[in-house]
Amino acid sequence: MADGNSRFSRLLDLATVVMIALAIIIGLRNSWNRPQRDGRSSIVNQDVKEWRGYTNASFRVGANTAKYTIVEFSDFACVYCQRMAPIVRRVREEIGEDVTFVYRHAMFRPNSRPLALATECAARQGVAEALHDELFSSRGSLPSDGWPMAALRAGARDTIKFKLCLASADAASAVLDDSIATANLGVRGTPTFLLNNILVEGSLSAEDMKELLGVKPNMMAKIRRLLVLQK
């Protein structure tokens, strides 16, 4: 049985590599003539018809009925993703319970896969977001004291189960699902966002993100800021 699981895991590893290569090829094919937004990001598609299908992931925070949805295709080893993390956090905090956040792995770098697997295993113990924050704060480095200690810091209840999960077919399958989604959507780099049905690649300000989501500005907050500036 163990040999069967090992063979299945190796097949999933190979399939993941193939899907990552496919995502890069699709991205290169679609890399020309994309309109730039503020010189930092590009609106790739203003109406992704099947966008709700990309919200099915194990790392999800928020209700299915939320008015706004942020799907982030990201990579813990990506410096631009690291810079976007506090901006995405700010947007989520400002919108509150009306937003759902979904994190999906777009793996284009050598360390991407072990970091993705660890996050999937953290999700199975309800601590994906805590590990997400730690990995971004450590700039996508593998933990020097090992994954069990990183899992403990994130709040995992069972480090043995976490360690076994890292080599499991279940975690590998979840990472493969994200690779397939990355290829199907034509993601060519990170970070890339689905803001409800709008596909955007590159870095965004919090204000641009809220505008694309269709969040109405808080007029009272604007008035208070103007009053402060006038003093």
Protein backbone atom coordinates (compact mmCIF):
# COMPACT_ATOMS: atom_id res chain seq x y z
CA MET A 1 0.00 0.00 0.00
CA ALA A 2 2.85 2.36 0.88
CA ASP A 3 4.53 1.59 -2.47
CA GLY A 4 1.27 2.38 -4.26
CA ASN A 5 0.96 5.73 -2.49
CA SER A 6 4.60 6.50 -3.30
CA ARG A 7 4.08 5.77 -7.01
CA PHE A 8 0.92 7.88 -7.05
CA SER A 9 2.75 10.75 -5.35
CA ARG A 10 5.55 10.58 -7.95
CA LEU A 11 2.99 10.67 -10.76
CA LEU A 12 1.39 13.74 -9.18
CA ASP A 13 4.82 15.38 -8.92
CA LEU A 14 5.40 14.77 -12.63
CA ALA A 15 1.93 16.04 -13.52
CA THR A 16 2.56 19.20 -11.47
CA VAL A 17 5.77 19.92 -13.39
CA VAL A 18 3.92 19.43 -16.70
CA MET A 19 1.11 21.80 -15.65
CA ILE A 20 3.56 24.48 -14.50
CA ALA A 21 5.33 24.26 -17.87
CA LEU A 22 1.95 24.53 -19.61
CA ALA A 23 1.06 27.61 -17.56
CA ILE A 24 4.30 29.31 -18.61
CA ILE A 25 3.72 28.45 -22.29
CA ILE A 26 0.15 29.79 -22.18
CA GLY A 27 1.35 32.91 -20.41
CA LEU A 28 4.02 33.57 -23.03
CA ARG A 29 1.49 33.08 -25.81
CA ASN A 30 -0.76 35.74 -24.28
CA SER A 31 1.97 38.13 -23.17
CA TRP A 32 1.59 40.77 -25.90
CA ASN A 33 -0.71 43.80 -26.23
CA ARG A 34 -2.00 43.87 -22.65
CA PRO A 35 -3.19 47.30 -21.43
CA GLN A 36 -1.20 48.70 -18.51
CA ARG A 37 -2.83 50.08 -15.35
CA ASP A 38 -0.77 52.79 -13.62
CA GLY A 39 2.40 51.25 -15.09
CA ARG A 40 2.34 48.45 -12.50
CA SER A 41 -0.49 46.13 -13.40
CA SER A 42 -2.44 44.93 -16.38
CA ILE A 43 -6.16 44.30 -16.70
CA VAL A 44 -6.14 41.08 -18.68
CA ASN A 45 -9.86 40.29 -18.85
CA GLN A 46 -12.72 42.46 -17.63
CA ASP A 47 -15.26 39.64 -17.64
CA VAL A 48 -14.05 36.14 -16.78
CA LYS A 49 -17.28 34.20 -17.25
CA GLU A 50 -16.28 31.14 -15.21
CA TRP A 51 -14.56 33.08 -12.39
CA ARG A 52 -16.51 31.42 -9.58
CA GLY A 53 -14.94 28.09 -10.49
CA TYR A 54 -11.56 29.47 -9.42
CA THR A 55 -12.79 30.12 -5.88
CA ASN A 56 -12.79 26.41 -4.99
CA ALA A 57 -9.64 25.99 -2.92
CA SER A 58 -8.69 24.72 0.53
CA PHE A 59 -7.16 28.08 1.55
CA ARG A 60 -10.28 30.20 1.71
CA VAL A 61 -11.31 32.83 4.26
CA GLY A 62 -14.83 34.22 4.25
CA ALA A 63 -18.36 33.22 3.41
CA ASN A 64 -19.52 31.82 0.06
CA THR A 65 -22.20 34.51 0.03
CA ALA A 66 -19.78 37.45 0.41
CA LYS A 67 -20.40 40.33 -1.99
CA TYR A 68 -16.76 40.62 -3.03
CA THR A 69 -14.21 37.91 -3.81
CA ILE A 70 -10.44 38.18 -4.11
CA VAL A 71 -8.70 35.17 -5.65
CA GLU A 72 -4.94 35.59 -5.48
CA PHE A 73 -2.61 33.47 -7.60
CA SER A 74 0.59 33.91 -5.69
CA ASP A 75 3.96 32.47 -4.75
CA PHE A 76 5.64 32.77 -1.36
CA ALA A 77 9.02 33.02 -3.11
CA CYS A 78 7.87 36.02 -5.19
CA VAL A 79 9.10 39.40 -3.92
CA TYR A 80 6.17 41.26 -5.51
CA CYS A 81 3.73 38.92 -3.78
CA GLN A 82 5.50 39.62 -0.49
CA ARG A 83 5.00 43.35 -1.03
CA MET A 84 1.33 42.85 -1.91
CA ALA A 85 0.53 40.78 1.19
CA PRO A 86 -0.03 43.76 3.55
CA ILE A 87 -2.03 45.57 0.86
CA VAL A 88 -4.35 42.60 0.39
CA ARG A 89 -4.66 42.33 4.17
CA ARG A 90 -5.60 46.02 4.39
CA VAL A 91 -8.29 45.66 1.72
CA ARG A 92 -9.75 42.65 3.50
CA GLU A 93 -9.81 44.46 6.82
CA GLU A 94 -11.41 47.56 5.33
CA ILE A 95 -14.16 45.62 3.53
CA GLY A 96 -14.70 43.25 6.45
CA GLU A 97 -17.18 40.38 6.30
CA ASP A 98 -18.34 41.37 2.81
CA VAL A 99 -15.19 39.93 1.22
CA THR A 100 -13.97 36.37 0.68
CA PHE A 101 -10.26 35.75 0.16
CA VAL A 102 -8.98 32.71 -1.75
CA TYR A 103 -5.27 31.91 -2.07
CA ARG A 104 -4.05 29.73 -4.94
CA HIS A 105 -0.50 28.60 -5.67
CA ALA A 106 1.12 29.73 -8.93
CA MET A 107 4.47 27.98 -8.78
CA PHE A 108 7.18 29.44 -11.02
CA ARG A 109 10.23 29.23 -8.70
CA PRO A 110 12.45 26.47 -7.24
CA ASN A 111 11.13 26.76 -3.66
CA SER A 112 7.50 27.18 -4.69
CA ARG A 113 6.33 23.58 -4.38
CA PRO A 114 7.45 22.76 -0.79
CA LEU A 115 6.00 26.09 0.40
CA ALA A 116 2.72 25.33 -1.37
CA LEU A 117 2.54 21.82 0.10
CA ALA A 118 3.15 23.16 3.60
CA THR A 119 0.33 25.69 3.22
CA GLU A 120 -2.06 22.99 2.05
CA CYS A 121 -1.16 20.89 5.10
CA ALA A 122 -1.67 23.92 7.33
CA ALA A 123 -5.11 24.42 5.75
CA ARG A 124 -6.06 20.91 6.85
CA GLN A 125 -5.48 21.99 10.45
CA GLY A 126 -7.14 25.39 10.04
CA VAL A 127 -3.93 27.45 10.25
CA ALA A 128 -3.19 28.22 6.58
CA GLU A 129 -3.44 31.96 7.05
CA ALA A 130 -1.02 32.00 9.98
CA LEU A 131 1.54 30.01 8.00
CA HIS A 132 0.88 32.24 4.98
CA ASP A 133 1.83 35.28 7.07
CA GLU A 134 4.98 33.61 8.42
CA LEU A 135 6.18 32.49 4.98
CA PHE A 136 5.74 35.97 3.55
CA SER A 137 7.47 37.57 6.54
CA SER A 138 10.43 35.19 6.02
CA ARG A 139 10.54 36.16 2.31
CA GLY A 140 9.63 32.70 1.12
CA SER A 141 12.57 30.93 2.76
CA LEU A 142 12.25 27.34 3.92
CA PRO A 143 12.12 27.32 7.74
CA SER A 144 15.61 26.85 9.18
CA ASP A 145 14.24 24.91 12.17
CA GLY A 146 12.11 22.57 10.06
CA TRP A 147 8.44 22.36 9.10
CA PRO A 148 7.17 20.92 12.42
CA MET A 149 8.39 24.03 14.29
CA ALA A 150 6.93 26.31 11.61
CA ALA A 151 3.64 24.44 11.94
CA LEU A 152 3.71 24.86 15.73
CA ARG A 153 4.27 28.62 15.39
CA ALA A 154 1.31 28.77 13.02
CA GLY A 155 -0.86 27.01 15.60
CA ALA A 156 -1.01 23.48 14.19
CA ARG A 157 -2.35 20.99 16.73
CA ASP A 158 -0.61 17.88 15.39
CA THR A 159 2.90 18.32 14.00
CA ILE A 160 3.28 14.59 13.25
CA LYS A 161 0.15 14.68 11.11
CA PHE A 162 1.45 17.86 9.47
CA LYS A 163 4.79 16.23 8.60
CA LEU A 164 3.09 13.15 7.14
CA CYS A 165 0.81 15.41 5.12
CA LEU A 166 3.79 17.03 3.36
CA ALA A 167 4.47 13.76 1.51
CA SER A 168 0.83 12.80 1.06
CA ALA A 169 -1.08 12.33 -2.17
CA ASP A 170 -3.82 14.56 -0.76
CA ALA A 171 -1.59 17.62 -0.46
CA ALA A 172 0.05 16.91 -3.83
CA SER A 173 -3.38 16.66 -5.45
CA ALA A 174 -4.42 20.05 -4.02
CA VAL A 175 -1.25 21.67 -5.35
CA LEU A 176 -1.87 20.03 -8.73
CA ASP A 177 -5.39 21.49 -8.78
CA ASP A 178 -3.89 24.96 -8.38
CA SER A 179 -1.40 24.29 -11.19
CA ILE A 180 -4.29 23.28 -13.46
CA ALA A 181 -6.24 26.41 -12.49
CA THR A 182 -3.14 28.53 -13.14
CA ALA A 183 -2.81 27.06 -16.63
CA ASN A 184 -6.51 27.24 -17.46
CA LEU A 185 -6.71 30.91 -16.51
CA GLY A 186 -3.54 31.75 -18.43
CA VAL A 187 -1.64 33.08 -15.42
CA ARG A 188 1.86 33.97 -16.58
CA GLY A 189 3.34 35.51 -13.43
CA THR A 190 2.70 36.49 -9.85
CA PRO A 191 0.84 38.12 -8.30
CA THR A 192 -2.28 37.73 -10.41
CA PHE A 193 -5.75 38.49 -9.06
CA LEU A 194 -9.34 37.66 -9.85
CA LEU A 195 -11.32 40.53 -8.36
CA ASN A 196 -14.77 39.03 -8.73
CA ASN A 197 -14.84 38.54 -12.54
CA ILE A 198 -11.94 40.90 -13.42
CA LEU A 199 -8.53 39.35 -14.06
CA VAL A 200 -5.57 41.58 -13.17
CA GLU A 201 -1.88 40.75 -13.19
CA GLY A 202 0.73 42.66 -11.24
CA SER A 203 0.75 44.84 -8.13
CA LEU A 204 -2.16 47.08 -7.17
CA SER A 205 -2.76 49.75 -4.59
CA ALA A 206 -5.49 49.13 -2.02
CA GLU A 207 -7.57 51.87 -3.63
CA ASP A 208 -7.29 50.35 -7.12
CA MET A 209 -8.20 46.93 -5.78
CA LYS A 210 -11.32 48.22 -4.06
CA GLU A 211 -12.29 50.22 -7.16
CA LEU A 212 -12.04 47.14 -9.39
CA LEU A 213 -14.06 45.12 -6.88
CA GLY A 214 -16.74 47.80 -7.06
CA VAL A 215 -16.50 48.80 -3.40
CA LYS A 216 -18.20 52.14 -2.85
CA PRO A 217 -15.91 54.72 -1.23
CA ASN A 218 -16.52 55.57 2.40
CA MET A 219 -17.55 59.21 2.05
CA MET A 220 -17.36 59.95 5.78
CA ALA A 221 -13.78 58.65 5.89
CA LYS A 222 -12.90 60.88 2.93
CA ILE A 223 -14.42 63.91 4.63
CA ARG A 224 -12.47 63.23 7.83
CA ARG A 225 -9.21 62.95 5.84
CA LEU A 226 -9.94 66.25 4.09
CA LEU A 227 -10.64 67.98 7.42
CA VAL A 228 -7.32 66.70 8.79
CA LEU A 229 -5.47 67.98 5.72
CA GLN A 230 -7.06 71.44 6.09
CA LYS A 231 -5.84 71.86 9.67
